[in-house]
Amino acid sequence: MEKFSIIIVEDVPLELKGTEGIIHNDIPEAEIIGTADCEPAYWRLLEMRQPDLVLLDLGLNGSTTVGVEICRQTKEMYGGIKVLVFTGEILNEKLWVDALDAGADGIILKTGEMLTRSDVGRVLEGKNMVFNQPVLKKIVDCFKEYVNKSASRQEAIVDYEIDEYDERFLRHLALGYTKDQIAGLRGMPFGVKSLEKRQNELVQRLFPNGNNGASVNATRLVVRALELNIIGIENLRPDEE
């Protein structure tokens, strides 16, 4: 790794000292050209010299939004600067997403393996989405859940013989559409009577053993479709009318 310059944005003196120690001991190529404990100090540093990398703590003086805005404005004004978030906000997943939306090149949580030379090197090489183990585990867990849910949905579609119109019908019922409204959707070639018949057929397929003797209305049918992953909450969007 070639020599590079870095600014550290950190408002806790003890954590700043620890971060500087990691860089001096493990990343000898890094030249720390300045440190900032608040937003004004950071912008003053940036006016004097632009670094190759900003190591940014998101929580500054009790505010997490300041760090995100620093990231956003830095990427907008100085697109060539890499921003690596180095934060103790280990439970605030929404904040991670906000930082990524603001243009952060990666997120390293102050836990576990913490900051490594390889992490910094990958960011400087232009790699996007550089994370350490705690974030990676969250990503993998979400990915596994998504894949398992997708596989379950495909199995249900085959097992219960769900076609495109069944899915659209169930999805719009879940959205609160009446059968009259569904029949009026563009590309839905069925009248109300045909939709009523389709609903009855879906009840028979999705409740092959009955519903404990109780009748199945549209709401119960939709709940069953959600339980079987035939439709998903994340995909409940209406078609063009």
Protein backbone atom coordinates (compact mmCIF):
# COMPACT_ATOMS: atom_id res chain seq x y z
CA MET A 1 0.00 0.00 0.00
CA GLU A 2 1.33 3.43 -0.95
CA LYS A 3 1.59 6.31 1.48
CA PHE A 4 -1.63 8.24 1.98
CA SER A 5 -3.03 11.06 4.12
CA ILE A 6 -5.84 10.77 6.61
CA ILE A 7 -8.05 13.00 8.78
CA ILE A 8 -9.63 11.48 11.86
CA VAL A 9 -12.99 12.83 13.04
CA GLU A 10 -13.53 11.75 16.65
CA ASP A 11 -14.82 13.68 19.67
CA VAL A 12 -13.83 11.29 22.50
CA PRO A 13 -10.17 11.91 23.45
CA LEU A 14 -9.56 8.36 24.70
CA GLU A 15 -11.00 6.81 21.53
CA LEU A 16 -9.01 9.24 19.38
CA LYS A 17 -5.83 8.19 21.15
CA GLY A 18 -6.70 4.54 20.57
CA THR A 19 -7.43 5.12 16.88
CA GLU A 20 -4.17 7.02 16.41
CA GLY A 21 -2.36 4.14 18.10
CA ILE A 22 -3.90 1.59 15.70
CA ILE A 23 -2.87 3.69 12.71
CA HIS A 24 0.70 4.34 13.93
CA ASN A 25 1.26 0.67 14.84
CA ASP A 26 -0.60 -1.18 12.09
CA ILE A 27 -0.81 1.22 9.13
CA PRO A 28 2.62 2.90 8.79
CA GLU A 29 1.74 4.17 5.31
CA ALA A 30 -0.85 6.55 6.80
CA GLU A 31 0.04 10.17 7.51
CA ILE A 32 -2.43 11.72 9.96
CA ILE A 33 -2.66 15.31 8.75
CA GLY A 34 -5.26 16.38 11.29
CA THR A 35 -7.92 15.41 13.79
CA ALA A 36 -11.29 17.07 14.42
CA ASP A 37 -13.66 16.75 17.35
CA CYS A 38 -16.53 18.66 15.76
CA GLU A 39 -17.93 19.67 12.39
CA PRO A 40 -16.46 23.23 12.24
CA ALA A 41 -12.98 21.92 13.07
CA TYR A 42 -13.32 19.31 10.34
CA TRP A 43 -14.24 21.84 7.65
CA ARG A 44 -11.35 24.09 8.69
CA LEU A 45 -8.96 21.18 8.25
CA LEU A 46 -10.44 20.33 4.87
CA GLU A 47 -9.98 23.89 3.62
CA MET A 48 -6.26 23.68 4.38
CA ARG A 49 -5.66 20.24 2.86
CA GLN A 50 -7.77 17.46 1.41
CA PRO A 51 -6.79 13.97 2.61
CA ASP A 52 -7.01 10.71 0.73
CA LEU A 53 -9.15 9.22 3.49
CA VAL A 54 -11.46 10.50 6.22
CA LEU A 55 -11.92 8.17 9.19
CA LEU A 56 -15.28 9.35 10.45
CA ASP A 57 -17.01 8.72 13.76
CA LEU A 58 -20.76 9.22 13.34
CA GLY A 59 -21.56 10.22 16.93
CA LEU A 60 -20.23 13.73 17.46
CA ASN A 61 -21.12 15.73 20.57
CA GLY A 62 -24.21 13.61 21.17
CA SER A 63 -25.53 13.85 17.60
CA THR A 64 -25.42 11.03 15.04
CA THR A 65 -26.90 13.09 12.22
CA VAL A 66 -23.86 15.39 12.17
CA GLY A 67 -21.59 12.53 11.13
CA VAL A 68 -23.93 11.49 8.34
CA GLU A 69 -24.10 15.06 7.01
CA ILE A 70 -20.31 15.39 7.15
CA CYS A 71 -20.12 12.25 5.03
CA ARG A 72 -22.72 13.46 2.56
CA GLN A 73 -21.22 16.90 2.07
CA THR A 74 -17.68 15.56 1.83
CA LYS A 75 -18.64 13.15 -0.96
CA GLU A 76 -20.60 15.88 -2.77
CA MET A 77 -17.85 18.50 -2.55
CA TYR A 78 -14.76 16.29 -2.76
CA GLY A 79 -15.72 13.15 -4.64
CA GLY A 80 -12.17 11.81 -4.64
CA ILE A 81 -11.95 11.60 -0.85
CA LYS A 82 -12.69 8.18 0.59
CA VAL A 83 -14.86 8.14 3.71
CA LEU A 84 -14.57 5.18 6.05
CA VAL A 85 -17.01 5.29 8.94
CA PHE A 86 -15.44 4.13 12.21
CA THR A 87 -18.21 4.17 14.79
CA GLY A 88 -19.29 2.86 18.15
CA GLU A 89 -22.93 2.94 17.06
CA ILE A 90 -23.03 -0.85 17.03
CA LEU A 91 -26.80 -1.28 17.43
CA ASN A 92 -28.10 1.59 15.28
CA GLU A 93 -28.54 -0.24 11.98
CA LYS A 94 -30.65 2.56 10.50
CA LEU A 95 -27.70 4.89 11.04
CA TRP A 96 -25.49 2.52 9.06
CA VAL A 97 -27.93 2.70 6.18
CA ASP A 98 -28.05 6.50 6.42
CA ALA A 99 -24.24 6.63 6.23
CA LEU A 100 -24.18 4.35 3.18
CA ASP A 101 -26.86 6.47 1.50
CA ALA A 102 -24.69 9.49 2.24
CA GLY A 103 -21.86 7.92 0.23
CA ALA A 104 -19.71 6.20 2.84
CA ASP A 105 -17.24 3.77 1.28
CA GLY A 106 -17.50 1.40 4.23
CA ILE A 107 -18.39 0.96 7.88
CA ILE A 108 -16.15 -0.44 10.58
CA LEU A 109 -17.74 -0.93 13.99
CA LYS A 110 -15.65 -0.36 17.10
CA THR A 111 -16.06 -3.92 18.25
CA GLY A 112 -14.51 -7.29 17.46
CA GLU A 113 -11.65 -7.00 14.97
CA MET A 114 -12.06 -3.22 14.71
CA LEU A 115 -9.90 -1.32 12.23
CA THR A 116 -7.35 -3.29 10.20
CA ARG A 117 -4.77 -2.44 7.58
CA SER A 118 -6.61 -4.58 5.02
CA ASP A 119 -9.88 -2.69 5.59
CA VAL A 120 -8.19 0.64 4.96
CA GLY A 121 -6.32 -0.75 1.97
CA ARG A 122 -9.49 -1.99 0.31
CA VAL A 123 -11.17 1.40 0.71
CA LEU A 124 -8.17 3.19 -0.81
CA GLU A 125 -8.20 0.70 -3.71
CA GLY A 126 -11.71 1.84 -4.54
CA LYS A 127 -13.64 -1.05 -3.05
CA ASN A 128 -17.16 -0.08 -2.01
CA MET A 129 -19.01 -1.50 0.98
CA VAL A 130 -16.05 -2.40 3.17
CA PHE A 131 -17.32 -3.82 6.45
CA ASN A 132 -15.93 -5.65 9.45
CA GLN A 133 -17.33 -8.81 11.01
CA PRO A 134 -20.28 -7.42 13.04
CA VAL A 135 -21.76 -5.71 9.96
CA LEU A 136 -20.95 -8.66 7.70
CA LYS A 137 -22.80 -11.02 10.03
CA LYS A 138 -25.90 -8.81 9.85
CA ILE A 139 -25.66 -8.76 6.06
CA VAL A 140 -25.25 -12.53 5.83
CA ASP A 141 -28.16 -13.13 8.22
CA CYS A 142 -30.43 -10.86 6.16
CA PHE A 143 -29.26 -12.52 2.93
CA LYS A 144 -30.00 -16.00 4.28
CA GLU A 145 -33.44 -14.89 5.44
CA TYR A 146 -34.17 -13.37 2.02
CA VAL A 147 -33.02 -16.49 0.13
CA ASN A 148 -34.98 -18.84 2.41
CA LYS A 149 -38.11 -16.72 2.06
CA SER A 150 -37.71 -16.61 -1.74
CA ALA A 151 -37.26 -20.37 -1.88
CA SER A 152 -40.32 -20.86 0.35
CA ARG A 153 -42.34 -18.61 -1.93
CA GLN A 154 -41.33 -20.54 -5.05
CA GLU A 155 -42.22 -23.83 -3.39
CA ALA A 156 -45.61 -22.47 -2.33
CA ILE A 157 -46.34 -21.17 -5.82
CA VAL A 158 -45.66 -24.63 -7.26
CA ASP A 159 -47.35 -26.60 -4.47
CA TYR A 160 -50.53 -24.51 -4.54
CA GLU A 161 -50.53 -23.96 -8.31
CA ILE A 162 -50.47 -20.17 -8.06
CA ASP A 163 -50.42 -18.34 -11.39
CA GLU A 164 -49.73 -14.70 -12.21
CA TYR A 165 -53.37 -13.68 -11.84
CA ASP A 166 -53.74 -15.46 -8.49
CA GLU A 167 -50.76 -13.51 -7.17
CA ARG A 168 -52.08 -10.20 -8.48
CA PHE A 169 -55.54 -10.92 -7.11
CA LEU A 170 -54.22 -11.82 -3.63
CA ARG A 171 -51.84 -8.89 -3.58
CA HIS A 172 -54.55 -6.36 -4.36
CA LEU A 173 -56.93 -7.94 -1.85
CA ALA A 174 -54.18 -7.44 0.73
CA LEU A 175 -53.98 -3.79 -0.30
CA GLY A 176 -57.69 -3.34 0.39
CA TYR A 177 -58.94 -3.34 -3.20
CA THR A 178 -62.49 -4.50 -3.82
CA LYS A 179 -63.22 -7.05 -6.53
CA ASP A 180 -64.73 -4.27 -8.64
CA GLN A 181 -61.47 -2.32 -8.39
CA ILE A 182 -59.35 -5.39 -9.15
CA ALA A 183 -61.47 -6.21 -12.20
CA GLY A 184 -60.77 -2.68 -13.44
CA LEU A 185 -56.98 -3.05 -13.31
CA ARG A 186 -55.13 -2.82 -16.59
CA GLY A 187 -54.22 -6.31 -17.78
CA MET A 188 -56.64 -8.12 -15.47
CA PRO A 189 -58.96 -9.91 -17.93
CA PHE A 190 -61.59 -10.98 -15.40
CA GLY A 191 -64.92 -9.63 -14.29
CA VAL A 192 -66.21 -9.63 -10.74
CA LYS A 193 -67.97 -13.01 -11.12
CA SER A 194 -64.76 -14.61 -12.42
CA LEU A 195 -62.81 -13.15 -9.50
CA GLU A 196 -65.34 -14.54 -7.03
CA LYS A 197 -64.86 -17.96 -8.61
CA ARG A 198 -61.08 -17.55 -8.45
CA GLN A 199 -61.32 -16.63 -4.77
CA ASN A 200 -63.32 -19.78 -4.03
CA GLU A 201 -60.77 -21.89 -5.89
CA LEU A 202 -57.93 -20.28 -3.93
CA VAL A 203 -59.72 -21.06 -0.67
CA GLN A 204 -59.93 -24.72 -1.65
CA ARG A 205 -56.23 -24.84 -2.58
CA LEU A 206 -54.86 -22.87 0.37
CA PHE A 207 -57.15 -24.59 2.90
CA PRO A 208 -57.19 -28.19 1.62
CA ASN A 209 -58.28 -29.46 5.06
CA GLY A 210 -60.78 -26.69 5.62
CA ASN A 211 -60.47 -23.89 8.14
CA ASN A 212 -61.55 -25.76 11.25
CA GLY A 213 -65.08 -25.61 9.98
CA ALA A 214 -65.10 -21.81 9.75
CA SER A 215 -65.78 -19.94 6.55
CA VAL A 216 -62.87 -18.20 4.81
CA ASN A 217 -63.38 -14.57 3.87
CA ALA A 218 -61.01 -12.40 1.81
CA THR A 219 -59.08 -11.27 4.89
CA ARG A 220 -58.42 -14.82 6.10
CA LEU A 221 -57.42 -15.84 2.57
CA VAL A 222 -54.89 -13.00 2.37
CA VAL A 223 -53.46 -13.87 5.80
CA ARG A 224 -53.00 -17.47 4.66
CA ALA A 225 -51.23 -16.30 1.49
CA LEU A 226 -48.88 -14.20 3.64
CA GLU A 227 -48.25 -17.14 5.98
CA LEU A 228 -47.28 -19.31 3.01
CA ASN A 229 -45.09 -16.54 1.48
CA ILE A 230 -47.20 -16.58 -1.69
CA ILE A 231 -47.28 -12.82 -1.27
CA GLY A 232 -44.94 -10.78 0.91
CA ILE A 233 -45.32 -7.60 2.91
CA GLU A 234 -42.26 -6.16 1.14
CA ASN A 235 -43.92 -6.61 -2.26
CA LEU A 236 -47.36 -5.21 -1.51
CA ARG A 237 -47.50 -2.62 -4.26
CA PRO A 238 -50.44 -1.97 -6.60
CA ASP A 239 -50.21 -2.48 -10.34
CA GLU A 240 -50.97 0.35 -12.72
CA GLU A 241 -54.69 0.90 -12.91
